[in-house]
Amino acid sequence: MRVRLLHFASFREAIGRDEEERDFPEGTRVQDLWGALAREVDFFRRFPAAPPAAVNREYVGGDTVLRDGDEVAFLPPVAGG
């Protein structure tokens, strides 16, 4: 199955692009996708758990199973002052 990943703020800087499409096996969950990204991008390994995620612009939990054509965004932490 193919999903579209959107990258924002510090995640965009770490991965070097705004968006991409990737293929994953059927049954892949949001937390599995984050694990795959963390194995590739050092910056993502700094997080003890997957950050909040949205699938098709709706917040979801890590156990959410992805479907072909889904749009996924992990939401980076934001610091304020």
Foldseek 3Di string as FASTA:
>chain_A
DKEKEAEDDPRCVQVVHGIDMDDDDFFQFQQNVLVVVVVVTVVSVVDPGFAFKDKPNHTDDRNHGDDPYIYMYGDDDDDDD
